[in-house]
Amino acid sequence: MTYSPWFARTYPANLSDFAGRLIMALRENTALLLREMRLERGLSQEGLAKASGIDRTFISGVERNRRNITLDTLDRLLAALGVDSHRFLCLLADREKTKGSR
């Protein structure tokens, strides 16, 4: 364990490895959840692209976990899907909990 005066607590020495894995899991689950929501609504990537004003190839990259997504872009996609951002984040958190408990 390493002590950090900035946070006045100890944290694992391999925190950067942990953070990296956490970010990768979050990106993967975000991609999967967006794809599921799009398909549940019967939208193609092209349809979502037109509704959100975001290029179809970018949406494809996000869904395949090949592209990073900003919060602004996520908000535009959620608006086009008719999903409240709070609801999305709750579903994402539930997914993370479920995946972590396996």
PDB file of N, CA and C in Angstrom:
ATOM      1  N   MET A   1       0.841  -1.183   0.000  1.00  0.00           N
ATOM      2  CA  MET A   1       0.000   0.000   0.000  1.00  0.00           C
ATOM      3  C   MET A   1       0.883   1.241   0.000  1.00  0.00           C
ATOM      4  N   THR A   2       0.414   2.271  -0.627  1.00  0.00           N
ATOM      5  CA  THR A   2       1.129   3.533  -0.701  1.00  0.00           C
ATOM      6  C   THR A   2       0.277   4.610  -0.049  1.00  0.00           C
ATOM      7  N   TYR A   3       0.917   5.514   0.668  1.00  0.00           N
ATOM      8  CA  TYR A   3       0.193   6.600   1.313  1.00  0.00           C
ATOM      9  C   TYR A   3       0.168   7.803   0.386  1.00  0.00           C
ATOM     10  N   SER A   4      -0.980   8.446   0.283  1.00  0.00           N
ATOM     11  CA  SER A   4      -1.105   9.648  -0.520  1.00  0.00           C
ATOM     12  C   SER A   4      -1.511  10.808   0.371  1.00  0.00           C
ATOM     13  N   PRO A   5      -0.684  11.823   0.507  1.00  0.00           N
ATOM     14  CA  PRO A   5      -1.082  12.973   1.324  1.00  0.00           C
ATOM     15  C   PRO A   5      -2.226  13.754   0.697  1.00  0.00           C
ATOM     16  N   TRP A   6      -2.408  13.606  -0.604  1.00  0.00           N
ATOM     17  CA  TRP A   6      -3.484  14.342  -1.283  1.00  0.00           C
ATOM     18  C   TRP A   6      -4.848  13.803  -0.913  1.00  0.00           C
ATOM     19  N   PHE A   7      -4.921  12.505  -0.701  1.00  0.00           N
ATOM     20  CA  PHE A   7      -6.203  11.903  -0.373  1.00  0.00           C
ATOM     21  C   PHE A   7      -6.276  11.469   1.081  1.00  0.00           C
ATOM     22  N   ALA A   8      -5.170  11.637   1.829  1.00  0.00           N
ATOM     23  CA  ALA A   8      -5.086  11.281   3.244  1.00  0.00           C
ATOM     24  C   ALA A   8      -5.580   9.866   3.507  1.00  0.00           C
ATOM     25  N   ARG A   9      -5.203   8.967   2.655  1.00  0.00           N
ATOM     26  CA  ARG A   9      -5.539   7.561   2.840  1.00  0.00           C
ATOM     27  C   ARG A   9      -4.550   6.718   2.048  1.00  0.00           C
ATOM     28  N   THR A  10      -4.604   5.451   2.260  1.00  0.00           N
ATOM     29  CA  THR A  10      -3.729   4.564   1.502  1.00  0.00           C
ATOM     30  C   THR A  10      -4.483   4.006   0.314  1.00  0.00           C
ATOM     31  N   TYR A  11      -3.762   3.659  -0.698  1.00  0.00           N
ATOM     32  CA  TYR A  11      -4.344   3.055  -1.883  1.00  0.00           C
ATOM     33  C   TYR A  11      -3.368   2.012  -2.411  1.00  0.00           C
ATOM     34  N   PRO A  12      -3.879   1.041  -3.151  1.00  0.00           N
ATOM     35  CA  PRO A  12      -2.998  -0.017  -3.669  1.00  0.00           C
ATOM     36  C   PRO A  12      -1.923   0.554  -4.591  1.00  0.00           C
ATOM     37  N   ALA A  13      -0.749  -0.006  -4.517  1.00  0.00           N
ATOM     38  CA  ALA A  13       0.345   0.441  -5.379  1.00  0.00           C
ATOM     39  C   ALA A  13       0.020   0.237  -6.852  1.00  0.00           C
ATOM     40  N   ASN A  14      -0.789  -0.758  -7.141  1.00  0.00           N
ATOM     41  CA  ASN A  14      -1.153  -1.052  -8.527  1.00  0.00           C
ATOM     42  C   ASN A  14      -2.464  -0.368  -8.917  1.00  0.00           C
ATOM     43  N   LEU A  15      -2.719   0.799  -8.346  1.00  0.00           N
ATOM     44  CA  LEU A  15      -3.958   1.519  -8.621  1.00  0.00           C
ATOM     45  C   LEU A  15      -4.138   1.807 -10.106  1.00  0.00           C
ATOM     46  N   SER A  16      -3.053   2.144 -10.799  1.00  0.00           N
ATOM     47  CA  SER A  16      -3.191   2.459 -12.215  1.00  0.00           C
ATOM     48  C   SER A  16      -3.650   1.240 -13.006  1.00  0.00           C
ATOM     49  N   ASP A  17      -3.206   0.040 -12.624  1.00  0.00           N
ATOM     50  CA  ASP A  17      -3.694  -1.181 -13.283  1.00  0.00           C
ATOM     51  C   ASP A  17      -5.178  -1.371 -13.019  1.00  0.00           C
ATOM     52  N   PHE A  18      -5.573  -1.161 -11.781  1.00  0.00           N
ATOM     53  CA  PHE A  18      -6.978  -1.301 -11.402  1.00  0.00           C
ATOM     54  C   PHE A  18      -7.834  -0.288 -12.157  1.00  0.00           C
ATOM     55  N   ALA A  19      -7.372   0.973 -12.184  1.00  0.00           N
ATOM     56  CA  ALA A  19      -8.116   2.023 -12.874  1.00  0.00           C
ATOM     57  C   ALA A  19      -8.238   1.717 -14.364  1.00  0.00           C
ATOM     58  N   GLY A  20      -7.168   1.219 -14.947  1.00  0.00           N
ATOM     59  CA  GLY A  20      -7.210   0.860 -16.360  1.00  0.00           C
ATOM     60  C   GLY A  20      -8.233  -0.225 -16.648  1.00  0.00           C
ATOM     61  N   ARG A  21      -8.265  -1.245 -15.795  1.00  0.00           N
ATOM     62  CA  ARG A  21      -9.249  -2.326 -15.977  1.00  0.00           C
ATOM     63  C   ARG A  21     -10.672  -1.805 -15.773  1.00  0.00           C
ATOM     64  N   LEU A  22     -10.842  -0.919 -14.813  1.00  0.00           N
ATOM     65  CA  LEU A  22     -12.158  -0.348 -14.544  1.00  0.00           C
ATOM     66  C   LEU A  22     -12.657   0.464 -15.735  1.00  0.00           C
ATOM     67  N   ILE A  23     -11.778   1.269 -16.297  1.00  0.00           N
ATOM     68  CA  ILE A  23     -12.151   2.085 -17.454  1.00  0.00           C
ATOM     69  C   ILE A  23     -12.485   1.200 -18.649  1.00  0.00           C
ATOM     70  N   MET A  24     -11.699   0.163 -18.868  1.00  0.00           N
ATOM     71  CA  MET A  24     -11.981  -0.749 -19.984  1.00  0.00           C
ATOM     72  C   MET A  24     -13.345  -1.422 -19.807  1.00  0.00           C
ATOM     73  N   ALA A  25     -13.650  -1.856 -18.590  1.00  0.00           N
ATOM     74  CA  ALA A  25     -14.942  -2.495 -18.329  1.00  0.00           C
ATOM     75  C   ALA A  25     -16.078  -1.499 -18.520  1.00  0.00           C
ATOM     76  N   LEU A  26     -15.876  -0.274 -18.083  1.00  0.00           N
ATOM     77  CA  LEU A  26     -16.900   0.750 -18.238  1.00  0.00           C
ATOM     78  C   LEU A  26     -17.150   1.053 -19.712  1.00  0.00           C
ATOM     79  N   ARG A  27     -16.084   1.171 -20.489  1.00  0.00           N
ATOM     80  CA  ARG A  27     -16.241   1.395 -21.936  1.00  0.00           C
ATOM     81  C   ARG A  27     -16.970   0.239 -22.587  1.00  0.00           C
ATOM     82  N   GLU A  28     -16.583  -0.996 -22.233  1.00  0.00           N
ATOM     83  CA  GLU A  28     -17.210  -2.177 -22.827  1.00  0.00           C
ATOM     84  C   GLU A  28     -18.692  -2.244 -22.490  1.00  0.00           C
ATOM     85  N   ASN A  29     -19.035  -2.010 -21.236  1.00  0.00           N
ATOM     86  CA  ASN A  29     -20.439  -2.072 -20.837  1.00  0.00           C
ATOM     87  C   ASN A  29     -21.255  -0.929 -21.427  1.00  0.00           C
ATOM     88  N   THR A  30     -20.643   0.237 -21.577  1.00  0.00           N
ATOM     89  CA  THR A  30     -21.330   1.353 -22.226  1.00  0.00           C
ATOM     90  C   THR A  30     -21.637   0.996 -23.677  1.00  0.00           C
ATOM     91  N   ALA A  31     -20.673   0.427 -24.365  1.00  0.00           N
ATOM     92  CA  ALA A  31     -20.856   0.030 -25.764  1.00  0.00           C
ATOM     93  C   ALA A  31     -21.972  -1.001 -25.898  1.00  0.00           C
ATOM     94  N   LEU A  32     -21.946  -2.019 -25.044  1.00  0.00           N
ATOM     95  CA  LEU A  32     -22.959  -3.074 -25.112  1.00  0.00           C
ATOM     96  C   LEU A  32     -24.351  -2.540 -24.795  1.00  0.00           C
ATOM     97  N   LEU A  33     -24.449  -1.678 -23.785  1.00  0.00           N
ATOM     98  CA  LEU A  33     -25.748  -1.140 -23.404  1.00  0.00           C
ATOM     99  C   LEU A  33     -26.316  -0.237 -24.491  1.00  0.00           C
ATOM    100  N   LEU A  34     -25.478   0.597 -25.101  1.00  0.00           N
ATOM    101  CA  LEU A  34     -25.960   1.442 -26.200  1.00  0.00           C
ATOM    102  C   LEU A  34     -26.477   0.604 -27.353  1.00  0.00           C
ATOM    103  N   ARG A  35     -25.752  -0.447 -27.696  1.00  0.00           N
ATOM    104  CA  ARG A  35     -26.175  -1.320 -28.792  1.00  0.00           C
ATOM    105  C   ARG A  35     -27.507  -2.006 -28.462  1.00  0.00           C
ATOM    106  N   GLU A  36     -27.620  -2.527 -27.238  1.00  0.00           N
ATOM    107  CA  GLU A  36     -28.867  -3.174 -26.832  1.00  0.00           C
ATOM    108  C   GLU A  36     -30.042  -2.211 -26.914  1.00  0.00           C
ATOM    109  N   MET A  37     -29.853  -0.993 -26.445  1.00  0.00           N
ATOM    110  CA  MET A  37     -30.936   0.001 -26.476  1.00  0.00           C
ATOM    111  C   MET A  37     -31.320   0.353 -27.904  1.00  0.00           C
ATOM    112  N   ARG A  38     -30.325   0.481 -28.764  1.00  0.00           N
ATOM    113  CA  ARG A  38     -30.613   0.786 -30.172  1.00  0.00           C
ATOM    114  C   ARG A  38     -31.430  -0.329 -30.804  1.00  0.00           C
ATOM    115  N   LEU A  39     -31.013  -1.572 -30.570  1.00  0.00           N
ATOM    116  CA  LEU A  39     -31.720  -2.715 -31.152  1.00  0.00           C
ATOM    117  C   LEU A  39     -33.123  -2.880 -30.567  1.00  0.00           C
ATOM    118  N   GLU A  40     -33.280  -2.627 -29.266  1.00  0.00           N
ATOM    119  CA  GLU A  40     -34.605  -2.702 -28.633  1.00  0.00           C
ATOM    120  C   GLU A  40     -35.584  -1.727 -29.283  1.00  0.00           C
ATOM    121  N   ARG A  41     -35.073  -0.621 -29.771  1.00  0.00           N
ATOM    122  CA  ARG A  41     -35.922   0.385 -30.395  1.00  0.00           C
ATOM    123  C   ARG A  41     -36.068   0.167 -31.896  1.00  0.00           C
ATOM    124  N   GLY A  42     -35.461  -0.895 -32.390  1.00  0.00           N
ATOM    125  CA  GLY A  42     -35.579  -1.224 -33.806  1.00  0.00           C
ATOM    126  C   GLY A  42     -34.840  -0.262 -34.716  1.00  0.00           C
ATOM    127  N   LEU A  43     -33.823   0.388 -34.192  1.00  0.00           N
ATOM    128  CA  LEU A  43     -33.063   1.341 -34.996  1.00  0.00           C
ATOM    129  C   LEU A  43     -31.818   0.689 -35.576  1.00  0.00           C
ATOM    130  N   SER A  44     -31.506   1.050 -36.790  1.00  0.00           N
ATOM    131  CA  SER A  44     -30.223   0.671 -37.370  1.00  0.00           C
ATOM    132  C   SER A  44     -29.195   1.704 -36.915  1.00  0.00           C
ATOM    133  N   GLN A  45     -27.939   1.414 -37.157  1.00  0.00           N
ATOM    134  CA  GLN A  45     -26.914   2.413 -36.858  1.00  0.00           C
ATOM    135  C   GLN A  45     -27.146   3.656 -37.706  1.00  0.00           C
ATOM    136  N   GLU A  46     -27.567   3.463 -38.927  1.00  0.00           N
ATOM    137  CA  GLU A  46     -27.854   4.595 -39.815  1.00  0.00           C
ATOM    138  C   GLU A  46     -29.005   5.440 -39.261  1.00  0.00           C
ATOM    139  N   GLY A  47     -30.043   4.767 -38.766  1.00  0.00           N
ATOM    140  CA  GLY A  47     -31.178   5.489 -38.184  1.00  0.00           C
ATOM    141  C   GLY A  47     -30.784   6.290 -36.955  1.00  0.00           C
ATOM    142  N   LEU A  48     -29.956   5.689 -36.112  1.00  0.00           N
ATOM    143  CA  LEU A  48     -29.476   6.394 -34.927  1.00  0.00           C
ATOM    144  C   LEU A  48     -28.567   7.551 -35.326  1.00  0.00           C
ATOM    145  N   ALA A  49     -27.789   7.336 -36.370  1.00  0.00           N
ATOM    146  CA  ALA A  49     -26.910   8.401 -36.864  1.00  0.00           C
ATOM    147  C   ALA A  49     -27.726   9.611 -37.319  1.00  0.00           C
ATOM    148  N   LYS A  50     -28.786   9.362 -38.057  1.00  0.00           N
ATOM    149  CA  LYS A  50     -29.633  10.456 -38.536  1.00  0.00           C
ATOM    150  C   LYS A  50     -30.326  11.158 -37.378  1.00  0.00           C
ATOM    151  N   ALA A  51     -30.811  10.378 -36.404  1.00  0.00           N
ATOM    152  CA  ALA A  51     -31.526  10.963 -35.271  1.00  0.00           C
ATOM    153  C   ALA A  51     -30.609  11.766 -34.347  1.00  0.00           C
ATOM    154  N   SER A  52     -29.346  11.357 -34.257  1.00  0.00           N
ATOM    155  CA  SER A  52     -28.430  12.005 -33.315  1.00  0.00           C
ATOM    156  C   SER A  52     -27.496  13.021 -33.972  1.00  0.00           C
ATOM    157  N   GLY A  53     -27.357  12.940 -35.294  1.00  0.00           N
ATOM    158  CA  GLY A  53     -26.425  13.813 -35.983  1.00  0.00           C
ATOM    159  C   GLY A  53     -24.976  13.365 -35.833  1.00  0.00           C
ATOM    160  N   ILE A  54     -24.793  12.105 -35.474  1.00  0.00           N
ATOM    161  CA  ILE A  54     -23.456  11.540 -35.289  1.00  0.00           C
ATOM    162  C   ILE A  54     -23.207  10.539 -36.410  1.00  0.00           C
ATOM    163  N   ASP A  55     -22.023  10.550 -36.967  1.00  0.00           N
ATOM    164  CA  ASP A  55     -21.694   9.689 -38.091  1.00  0.00           C
ATOM    165  C   ASP A  55     -21.892   8.204 -37.754  1.00  0.00           C
ATOM    166  N   ARG A  56     -22.442   7.455 -38.693  1.00  0.00           N
ATOM    167  CA  ARG A  56     -22.708   6.033 -38.486  1.00  0.00           C
ATOM    168  C   ARG A  56     -21.441   5.248 -38.181  1.00  0.00           C
ATOM    169  N   THR A  57     -20.351   5.604 -38.820  1.00  0.00           N
ATOM    170  CA  THR A  57     -19.116   4.860 -38.580  1.00  0.00           C
ATOM    171  C   THR A  57     -18.590   5.090 -37.158  1.00  0.00           C
ATOM    172  N   PHE A  58     -18.850   6.270 -36.622  1.00  0.00           N
ATOM    173  CA  PHE A  58     -18.455   6.538 -35.246  1.00  0.00           C
ATOM    174  C   PHE A  58     -19.305   5.699 -34.293  1.00  0.00           C
ATOM    175  N   ILE A  59     -20.606   5.630 -34.553  1.00  0.00           N
ATOM    176  CA  ILE A  59     -21.503   4.814 -33.732  1.00  0.00           C
ATOM    177  C   ILE A  59     -21.072   3.356 -33.778  1.00  0.00           C
ATOM    178  N   SER A  60     -20.725   2.887 -34.961  1.00  0.00           N
ATOM    179  CA  SER A  60     -20.243   1.519 -35.108  1.00  0.00           C
ATOM    180  C   SER A  60     -18.991   1.296 -34.264  1.00  0.00           C
ATOM    181  N   GLY A  61     -18.072   2.246 -34.307  1.00  0.00           N
ATOM    182  CA  GLY A  61     -16.848   2.141 -33.529  1.00  0.00           C
ATOM    183  C   GLY A  61     -17.101   2.130 -32.037  1.00  0.00           C
ATOM    184  N   VAL A  62     -18.055   2.935 -31.593  1.00  0.00           N
ATOM    185  CA  VAL A  62     -18.412   2.960 -30.170  1.00  0.00           C
ATOM    186  C   VAL A  62     -19.009   1.619 -29.761  1.00  0.00           C
ATOM    187  N   GLU A  63     -19.929   1.104 -30.553  1.00  0.00           N
ATOM    188  CA  GLU A  63     -20.593  -0.164 -30.222  1.00  0.00           C
ATOM    189  C   GLU A  63     -19.623  -1.342 -30.230  1.00  0.00           C
ATOM    190  N   ARG A  64     -18.566  -1.239 -31.006  1.00  0.00           N
ATOM    191  CA  ARG A  64     -17.557  -2.308 -31.049  1.00  0.00           C
ATOM    192  C   ARG A  64     -16.421  -2.052 -30.065  1.00  0.00           C
ATOM    193  N   ASN A  65     -16.585  -1.004 -29.252  1.00  0.00           N
ATOM    194  CA  ASN A  65     -15.598  -0.634 -28.245  1.00  0.00           C
ATOM    195  C   ASN A  65     -14.252  -0.295 -28.875  1.00  0.00           C
ATOM    196  N   ARG A  66     -14.302   0.329 -30.044  1.00  0.00           N
ATOM    197  CA  ARG A  66     -13.091   0.739 -30.740  1.00  0.00           C
ATOM    198  C   ARG A  66     -12.879   2.243 -30.678  1.00  0.00           C
ATOM    199  N   ARG A  67     -13.914   2.969 -30.280  1.00  0.00           N
ATOM    200  CA  ARG A  67     -13.844   4.434 -30.206  1.00  0.00           C
ATOM    201  C   ARG A  67     -14.209   4.890 -28.808  1.00  0.00           C
ATOM    202  N   ASN A  68     -13.527   5.913 -28.336  1.00  0.00           N
ATOM    203  CA  ASN A  68     -13.886   6.553 -27.076  1.00  0.00           C
ATOM    204  C   ASN A  68     -15.064   7.472 -27.318  1.00  0.00           C
ATOM    205  N   ILE A  69     -15.889   7.619 -26.323  1.00  0.00           N
ATOM    206  CA  ILE A  69     -17.055   8.475 -26.455  1.00  0.00           C
ATOM    207  C   ILE A  69     -16.996   9.553 -25.383  1.00  0.00           C
ATOM    208  N   THR A  70     -17.300  10.780 -25.763  1.00  0.00           N
ATOM    209  CA  THR A  70     -17.352  11.859 -24.781  1.00  0.00           C
ATOM    210  C   THR A  70     -18.729  11.869 -24.135  1.00  0.00           C
ATOM    211  N   LEU A  71     -18.836  12.559 -23.018  1.00  0.00           N
ATOM    212  CA  LEU A  71     -20.143  12.665 -22.357  1.00  0.00           C
ATOM    213  C   LEU A  71     -21.130  13.422 -23.234  1.00  0.00           C
ATOM    214  N   ASP A  72     -20.660  14.408 -23.976  1.00  0.00           N
ATOM    215  CA  ASP A  72     -21.552  15.154 -24.874  1.00  0.00           C
ATOM    216  C   ASP A  72     -22.107  14.254 -25.974  1.00  0.00           C
ATOM    217  N   THR A  73     -21.260  13.417 -26.534  1.00  0.00           N
ATOM    218  CA  THR A  73     -21.705  12.500 -27.587  1.00  0.00           C
ATOM    219  C   THR A  73     -22.656  11.452 -27.003  1.00  0.00           C
ATOM    220  N   LEU A  74     -22.337  10.947 -25.829  1.00  0.00           N
ATOM    221  CA  LEU A  74     -23.224   9.994 -25.163  1.00  0.00           C
ATOM    222  C   LEU A  74     -24.589  10.625 -24.936  1.00  0.00           C
ATOM    223  N   ASP A  75     -24.609  11.871 -24.500  1.00  0.00           N
ATOM    224  CA  ASP A  75     -25.863  12.577 -24.261  1.00  0.00           C
ATOM    225  C   ASP A  75     -26.683  12.708 -25.546  1.00  0.00           C
ATOM    226  N   ARG A  76     -26.017  12.988 -26.658  1.00  0.00           N
ATOM    227  CA  ARG A  76     -26.726  13.091 -27.945  1.00  0.00           C
ATOM    228  C   ARG A  76     -27.314  11.747 -28.369  1.00  0.00           C
ATOM    229  N   LEU A  77     -26.541  10.673 -28.172  1.00  0.00           N
ATOM    230  CA  LEU A  77     -27.050   9.346 -28.522  1.00  0.00           C
ATOM    231  C   LEU A  77     -28.232   8.967 -27.636  1.00  0.00           C
ATOM    232  N   LEU A  78     -28.122   9.242 -26.344  1.00  0.00           N
ATOM    233  CA  LEU A  78     -29.216   8.913 -25.425  1.00  0.00           C
ATOM    234  C   LEU A  78     -30.472   9.706 -25.759  1.00  0.00           C
ATOM    235  N   ALA A  79     -30.297  10.976 -26.116  1.00  0.00           N
ATOM    236  CA  ALA A  79     -31.459  11.785 -26.506  1.00  0.00           C
ATOM    237  C   ALA A  79     -32.130  11.199 -27.742  1.00  0.00           C
ATOM    238  N   ALA A  80     -31.335  10.778 -28.712  1.00  0.00           N
ATOM    239  CA  ALA A  80     -31.884  10.182 -29.934  1.00  0.00           C
ATOM    240  C   ALA A  80     -32.590   8.857 -29.637  1.00  0.00           C
ATOM    241  N   LEU A  81     -32.114   8.152 -28.610  1.00  0.00           N
ATOM    242  CA  LEU A  81     -32.738   6.885 -28.216  1.00  0.00           C
ATOM    243  C   LEU A  81     -33.928   7.098 -27.284  1.00  0.00           C
ATOM    244  N   GLY A  82     -34.106   8.319 -26.815  1.00  0.00           N
ATOM    245  CA  GLY A  82     -35.196   8.619 -25.894  1.00  0.00           C
ATOM    246  C   GLY A  82     -34.934   8.075 -24.496  1.00  0.00           C
ATOM    247  N   VAL A  83     -33.677   8.072 -24.100  1.00  0.00           N
ATOM    248  CA  VAL A  83     -33.286   7.538 -22.794  1.00  0.00           C
ATOM    249  C   VAL A  83     -32.713   8.670 -21.950  1.00  0.00           C
ATOM    250  N   ASP A  84     -33.217   8.798 -20.744  1.00  0.00           N
ATOM    251  CA  ASP A  84     -32.711   9.771 -19.797  1.00  0.00           C
ATOM    252  C   ASP A  84     -31.312   9.355 -19.348  1.00  0.00           C
ATOM    253  N   SER A  85     -30.396  10.309 -19.238  1.00  0.00           N
ATOM    254  CA  SER A  85     -29.021   9.975 -18.869  1.00  0.00           C
ATOM    255  C   SER A  85     -28.947   9.347 -17.476  1.00  0.00           C
ATOM    256  N   HIS A  86     -29.800   9.779 -16.565  1.00  0.00           N
ATOM    257  CA  HIS A  86     -29.817   9.180 -15.225  1.00  0.00           C
ATOM    258  C   HIS A  86     -30.200   7.709 -15.319  1.00  0.00           C
ATOM    259  N   ARG A  87     -31.196   7.408 -16.104  1.00  0.00           N
ATOM    260  CA  ARG A  87     -31.635   6.018 -16.288  1.00  0.00           C
ATOM    261  C   ARG A  87     -30.506   5.177 -16.887  1.00  0.00           C
ATOM    262  N   PHE A  88     -29.831   5.725 -17.889  1.00  0.00           N
ATOM    263  CA  PHE A  88     -28.731   5.003 -18.528  1.00  0.00           C
ATOM    264  C   PHE A  88     -27.637   4.681 -17.520  1.00  0.00           C
ATOM    265  N   LEU A  89     -27.266   5.683 -16.715  1.00  0.00           N
ATOM    266  CA  LEU A  89     -26.206   5.478 -15.732  1.00  0.00           C
ATOM    267  C   LEU A  89     -26.620   4.459 -14.666  1.00  0.00           C
ATOM    268  N   CYS A  90     -27.898   4.447 -14.296  1.00  0.00           N
ATOM    269  CA  CYS A  90     -28.385   3.435 -13.345  1.00  0.00           C
ATOM    270  C   CYS A  90     -28.298   2.037 -13.949  1.00  0.00           C
ATOM    271  N   LEU A  91     -28.702   1.901 -15.199  1.00  0.00           N
ATOM    272  CA  LEU A  91     -28.601   0.604 -15.877  1.00  0.00           C
ATOM    273  C   LEU A  91     -27.150   0.175 -16.020  1.00  0.00           C
ATOM    274  N   LEU A  92     -26.285   1.123 -16.308  1.00  0.00           N
ATOM    275  CA  LEU A  92     -24.862   0.827 -16.438  1.00  0.00           C
ATOM    276  C   LEU A  92     -24.283   0.380 -15.097  1.00  0.00           C
ATOM    277  N   ALA A  93     -24.683   1.051 -14.023  1.00  0.00           N
ATOM    278  CA  ALA A  93     -24.215   0.669 -12.687  1.00  0.00           C
ATOM    279  C   ALA A  93     -24.711  -0.717 -12.313  1.00  0.00           C
ATOM    280  N   ASP A  94     -25.965  -1.020 -12.642  1.00  0.00           N
ATOM    281  CA  ASP A  94     -26.505  -2.358 -12.369  1.00  0.00           C
ATOM    282  C   ASP A  94     -25.723  -3.411 -13.129  1.00  0.00           C
ATOM    283  N   ARG A  95     -25.381  -3.115 -14.350  1.00  0.00           N
ATOM    284  CA  ARG A  95     -24.618  -4.043 -15.179  1.00  0.00           C
ATOM    285  C   ARG A  95     -23.240  -4.283 -14.568  1.00  0.00           C
ATOM    286  N   GLU A  96     -22.620  -3.218 -14.091  1.00  0.00           N
ATOM    287  CA  GLU A  96     -21.306  -3.328 -13.463  1.00  0.00           C
ATOM    288  C   GLU A  96     -21.379  -4.183 -12.191  1.00  0.00           C
ATOM    289  N   LYS A  97     -22.441  -3.978 -11.404  1.00  0.00           N
ATOM    290  CA  LYS A  97     -22.614  -4.752 -10.172  1.00  0.00           C
ATOM    291  C   LYS A  97     -22.801  -6.233 -10.491  1.00  0.00           C
ATOM    292  N   THR A  98     -23.650  -6.502 -11.472  1.00  0.00           N
ATOM    293  CA  THR A  98     -23.935  -7.877 -11.859  1.00  0.00           C
ATOM    294  C   THR A  98     -22.676  -8.562 -12.371  1.00  0.00           C
ATOM    295  N   LYS A  99     -21.948  -7.867 -13.200  1.00  0.00           N
ATOM    296  CA  LYS A  99     -20.718  -8.425 -13.766  1.00  0.00           C
ATOM    297  C   LYS A  99     -19.674  -8.658 -12.675  1.00  0.00           C
ATOM    298  N   GLY A 100     -19.612  -7.750 -11.714  1.00  0.00           N
ATOM    299  CA  GLY A 100     -18.641  -7.858 -10.635  1.00  0.00           C
ATOM    300  C   GLY A 100     -18.967  -8.958  -9.643  1.00  0.00           C
ATOM    301  N   SER A 101     -20.228  -9.338  -9.533  1.00  0.00           N
ATOM    302  CA  SER A 101     -20.628 -10.347  -8.548  1.00  0.00           C
ATOM    303  C   SER A 101     -20.494 -11.762  -9.058  1.00  0.00           C
ATOM    304  N   ARG A 102     -20.121 -11.909 -10.320  1.00  0.00           N
ATOM    305  CA  ARG A 102     -19.972 -13.248 -10.889  1.00  0.00           C
ATOM    306  C   ARG A 102     -18.733 -13.929 -10.395  1.00  0.00           C
TER     307      ARG A 102
END
